[in-house]
C-alpha atoms as a PDB file:
ATOM      1  CA  MET A   1     -33.606   2.231   5.149  1.00  0.00           C
ATOM      2  CA  ALA A   2     -36.468   4.678   4.597  1.00  0.00           C
ATOM      3  CA  THR A   3     -40.029   3.406   4.692  1.00  0.00           C
ATOM      4  CA  PHE A   4     -42.276   3.603   1.650  1.00  0.00           C
ATOM      5  CA  SER A   5     -44.241   6.517   3.120  1.00  0.00           C
ATOM      6  CA  GLU A   6     -41.012   8.376   3.996  1.00  0.00           C
ATOM      7  CA  LEU A   7     -39.788   7.916   0.426  1.00  0.00           C
ATOM      8  CA  ILE A   8     -42.961   9.155  -1.273  1.00  0.00           C
ATOM      9  CA  ASN A   9     -43.250  12.143   1.095  1.00  0.00           C
ATOM     10  CA  SER A  10     -40.098  13.599  -0.399  1.00  0.00           C
ATOM     11  CA  ASN A  11     -39.849  17.160  -1.763  1.00  0.00           C
ATOM     12  CA  LYS A  12     -38.622  15.786  -5.052  1.00  0.00           C
ATOM     13  CA  PRO A  13     -40.759  13.646  -7.343  1.00  0.00           C
ATOM     14  CA  VAL A  14     -40.702   9.917  -6.666  1.00  0.00           C
ATOM     15  CA  LEU A  15     -41.543   7.501  -9.468  1.00  0.00           C
ATOM     16  CA  VAL A  16     -42.792   4.208  -8.067  1.00  0.00           C
ATOM     17  CA  ASP A  17     -42.771   1.224 -10.393  1.00  0.00           C
ATOM     18  CA  PHE A  18     -45.248  -1.332  -9.029  1.00  0.00           C
ATOM     19  CA  SER A  19     -44.127  -4.553 -10.680  1.00  0.00           C
ATOM     20  CA  ALA A  20     -43.721  -8.307 -10.257  1.00  0.00           C
ATOM     21  CA  GLU A  21     -40.953 -10.816 -10.984  1.00  0.00           C
ATOM     22  CA  TRP A  22     -43.182 -12.892 -13.301  1.00  0.00           C
ATOM     23  CA  CYS A  23     -44.325  -9.922 -15.402  1.00  0.00           C
ATOM     24  CA  GLY A  24     -42.869  -9.599 -18.922  1.00  0.00           C
ATOM     25  CA  PRO A  25     -43.699  -5.902 -19.466  1.00  0.00           C
ATOM     26  CA  CYS A  26     -42.167  -5.153 -16.026  1.00  0.00           C
ATOM     27  CA  LYS A  27     -38.869  -6.544 -17.299  1.00  0.00           C
ATOM     28  CA  MET A  28     -39.141  -4.205 -20.306  1.00  0.00           C
ATOM     29  CA  MET A  29     -39.420  -1.254 -17.906  1.00  0.00           C
ATOM     30  CA  LYS A  30     -36.072  -1.945 -16.217  1.00  0.00           C
ATOM     31  CA  PRO A  31     -33.765  -0.461 -18.916  1.00  0.00           C
ATOM     32  CA  ILE A  32     -36.248   2.401 -19.480  1.00  0.00           C
ATOM     33  CA  LEU A  33     -36.161   3.295 -15.775  1.00  0.00           C
ATOM     34  CA  GLU A  34     -32.364   3.039 -15.727  1.00  0.00           C
ATOM     35  CA  GLN A  35     -32.171   5.447 -18.674  1.00  0.00           C
ATOM     36  CA  VAL A  36     -34.555   7.918 -17.008  1.00  0.00           C
ATOM     37  CA  LYS A  37     -32.601   7.708 -13.748  1.00  0.00           C
ATOM     38  CA  SER A  38     -29.282   8.328 -15.481  1.00  0.00           C
ATOM     39  CA  GLU A  39     -30.679  11.350 -17.336  1.00  0.00           C
ATOM     40  CA  LEU A  40     -32.507  12.914 -14.369  1.00  0.00           C
ATOM     41  CA  GLY A  41     -29.854  12.097 -11.767  1.00  0.00           C
ATOM     42  CA  ASP A  42     -30.701  13.204  -8.228  1.00  0.00           C
ATOM     43  CA  SER A  43     -33.585  15.484  -9.245  1.00  0.00           C
ATOM     44  CA  ALA A  44     -35.998  12.546  -8.894  1.00  0.00           C
ATOM     45  CA  THR A  45     -36.133   9.229  -7.053  1.00  0.00           C
ATOM     46  CA  ILE A  46     -37.126   6.003  -8.772  1.00  0.00           C
ATOM     47  CA  ILE A  47     -38.122   2.989  -6.711  1.00  0.00           C
ATOM     48  CA  LYS A  48     -39.422  -0.430  -7.622  1.00  0.00           C
ATOM     49  CA  VAL A  49     -42.096  -2.121  -5.506  1.00  0.00           C
ATOM     50  CA  ASP A  50     -42.739  -5.835  -5.949  1.00  0.00           C
ATOM     51  CA  VAL A  51     -46.514  -6.199  -5.535  1.00  0.00           C
ATOM     52  CA  ASP A  52     -46.166  -9.824  -4.415  1.00  0.00           C
ATOM     53  CA  LYS A  53     -43.824  -8.857  -1.560  1.00  0.00           C
ATOM     54  CA  ASN A  54     -45.534  -5.550  -0.688  1.00  0.00           C
ATOM     55  CA  GLN A  55     -49.237  -6.251  -0.913  1.00  0.00           C
ATOM     56  CA  SER A  56     -50.174  -3.519   1.554  1.00  0.00           C
ATOM     57  CA  ALA A  57     -48.636  -0.821  -0.679  1.00  0.00           C
ATOM     58  CA  ALA A  58     -50.232  -2.396  -3.770  1.00  0.00           C
ATOM     59  CA  ASN A  59     -53.637  -2.502  -2.045  1.00  0.00           C
ATOM     60  CA  ALA A  60     -53.310   1.055  -0.733  1.00  0.00           C
ATOM     61  CA  TYR A  61     -52.980   2.370  -4.302  1.00  0.00           C
ATOM     62  CA  LYS A  62     -55.414  -0.152  -5.815  1.00  0.00           C
ATOM     63  CA  ILE A  63     -52.823  -1.636  -8.157  1.00  0.00           C
ATOM     64  CA  GLN A  64     -54.740  -3.948 -10.502  1.00  0.00           C
ATOM     65  CA  GLY A  65     -52.148  -4.634 -13.181  1.00  0.00           C
ATOM     66  CA  VAL A  66     -48.393  -4.468 -13.433  1.00  0.00           C
ATOM     67  CA  PRO A  67     -46.419  -2.537 -14.282  1.00  0.00           C
ATOM     68  CA  THR A  68     -48.232   0.460 -12.814  1.00  0.00           C
ATOM     69  CA  LEU A  69     -46.176   3.639 -12.534  1.00  0.00           C
ATOM     70  CA  ILE A  70     -47.116   6.402 -10.100  1.00  0.00           C
ATOM     71  CA  VAL A  71     -45.326   9.713  -9.623  1.00  0.00           C
ATOM     72  CA  PHE A  72     -45.634  11.027  -6.056  1.00  0.00           C
ATOM     73  CA  LYS A  73     -44.790  14.494  -4.762  1.00  0.00           C
ATOM     74  CA  HIS A  74     -45.140  15.279  -1.045  1.00  0.00           C
ATOM     75  CA  GLY A  75     -46.879  11.915  -0.625  1.00  0.00           C
ATOM     76  CA  LYS A  76     -49.623  12.616  -3.162  1.00  0.00           C
ATOM     77  CA  PRO A  77     -50.032  10.685  -6.421  1.00  0.00           C
ATOM     78  CA  MET A  78     -49.631  13.257  -9.218  1.00  0.00           C
ATOM     79  CA  TRP A  79     -49.648  10.958 -12.254  1.00  0.00           C
ATOM     80  CA  ARG A  80     -50.401   7.307 -12.846  1.00  0.00           C
ATOM     81  CA  GLN A  81     -50.260   4.937 -15.781  1.00  0.00           C
ATOM     82  CA  SER A  82     -50.320   1.192 -16.247  1.00  0.00           C
ATOM     83  CA  GLY A  83     -48.249  -0.624 -18.840  1.00  0.00           C
ATOM     84  CA  VAL A  84     -44.903   0.117 -20.424  1.00  0.00           C
ATOM     85  CA  VAL A  85     -44.133   3.837 -20.677  1.00  0.00           C
ATOM     86  CA  GLN A  86     -41.330   5.102 -22.897  1.00  0.00           C
ATOM     87  CA  ALA A  87     -38.378   6.983 -21.415  1.00  0.00           C
ATOM     88  CA  ASP A  88     -39.145  10.317 -23.123  1.00  0.00           C
ATOM     89  CA  GLN A  89     -42.719  10.350 -21.839  1.00  0.00           C
ATOM     90  CA  LEU A  90     -41.628   9.405 -18.316  1.00  0.00           C
ATOM     91  CA  LYS A  91     -38.975  12.136 -18.278  1.00  0.00           C
ATOM     92  CA  SER A  92     -41.413  14.812 -19.395  1.00  0.00           C
ATOM     93  CA  VAL A  93     -43.938  13.718 -16.746  1.00  0.00           C
ATOM     94  CA  ILE A  94     -41.351  13.719 -13.953  1.00  0.00           C
ATOM     95  CA  LYS A  95     -39.880  17.082 -15.044  1.00  0.00           C
ATOM     96  CA  LYS A  96     -43.276  18.732 -14.444  1.00  0.00           C
ATOM     97  CA  TYR A  97     -42.857  18.037 -10.719  1.00  0.00           C
ATOM     98  CA  ILE A  98     -39.151  18.851 -10.257  1.00  0.00           C
END
């Protein structure tokens, strides 16, 4: 399995959903992310990071609230937003980096 840094250093955009099991808005993101993934296919990668289980990644990107979504390209954060983001907005953000 690829490490977090290997994943975000990809040539294609990687959307990281920093979330937590206990977080209500994080649960709302799940079907949105599934929709985005099905519409973008292999042109982007979407991964979920549980901040309680991966505190080093959460600390590295100063995650203060969940969900926090970050789009990475070549390992660099290109876009970041906290809270629930709608599918159309997420798709248009990701498409900028494809």
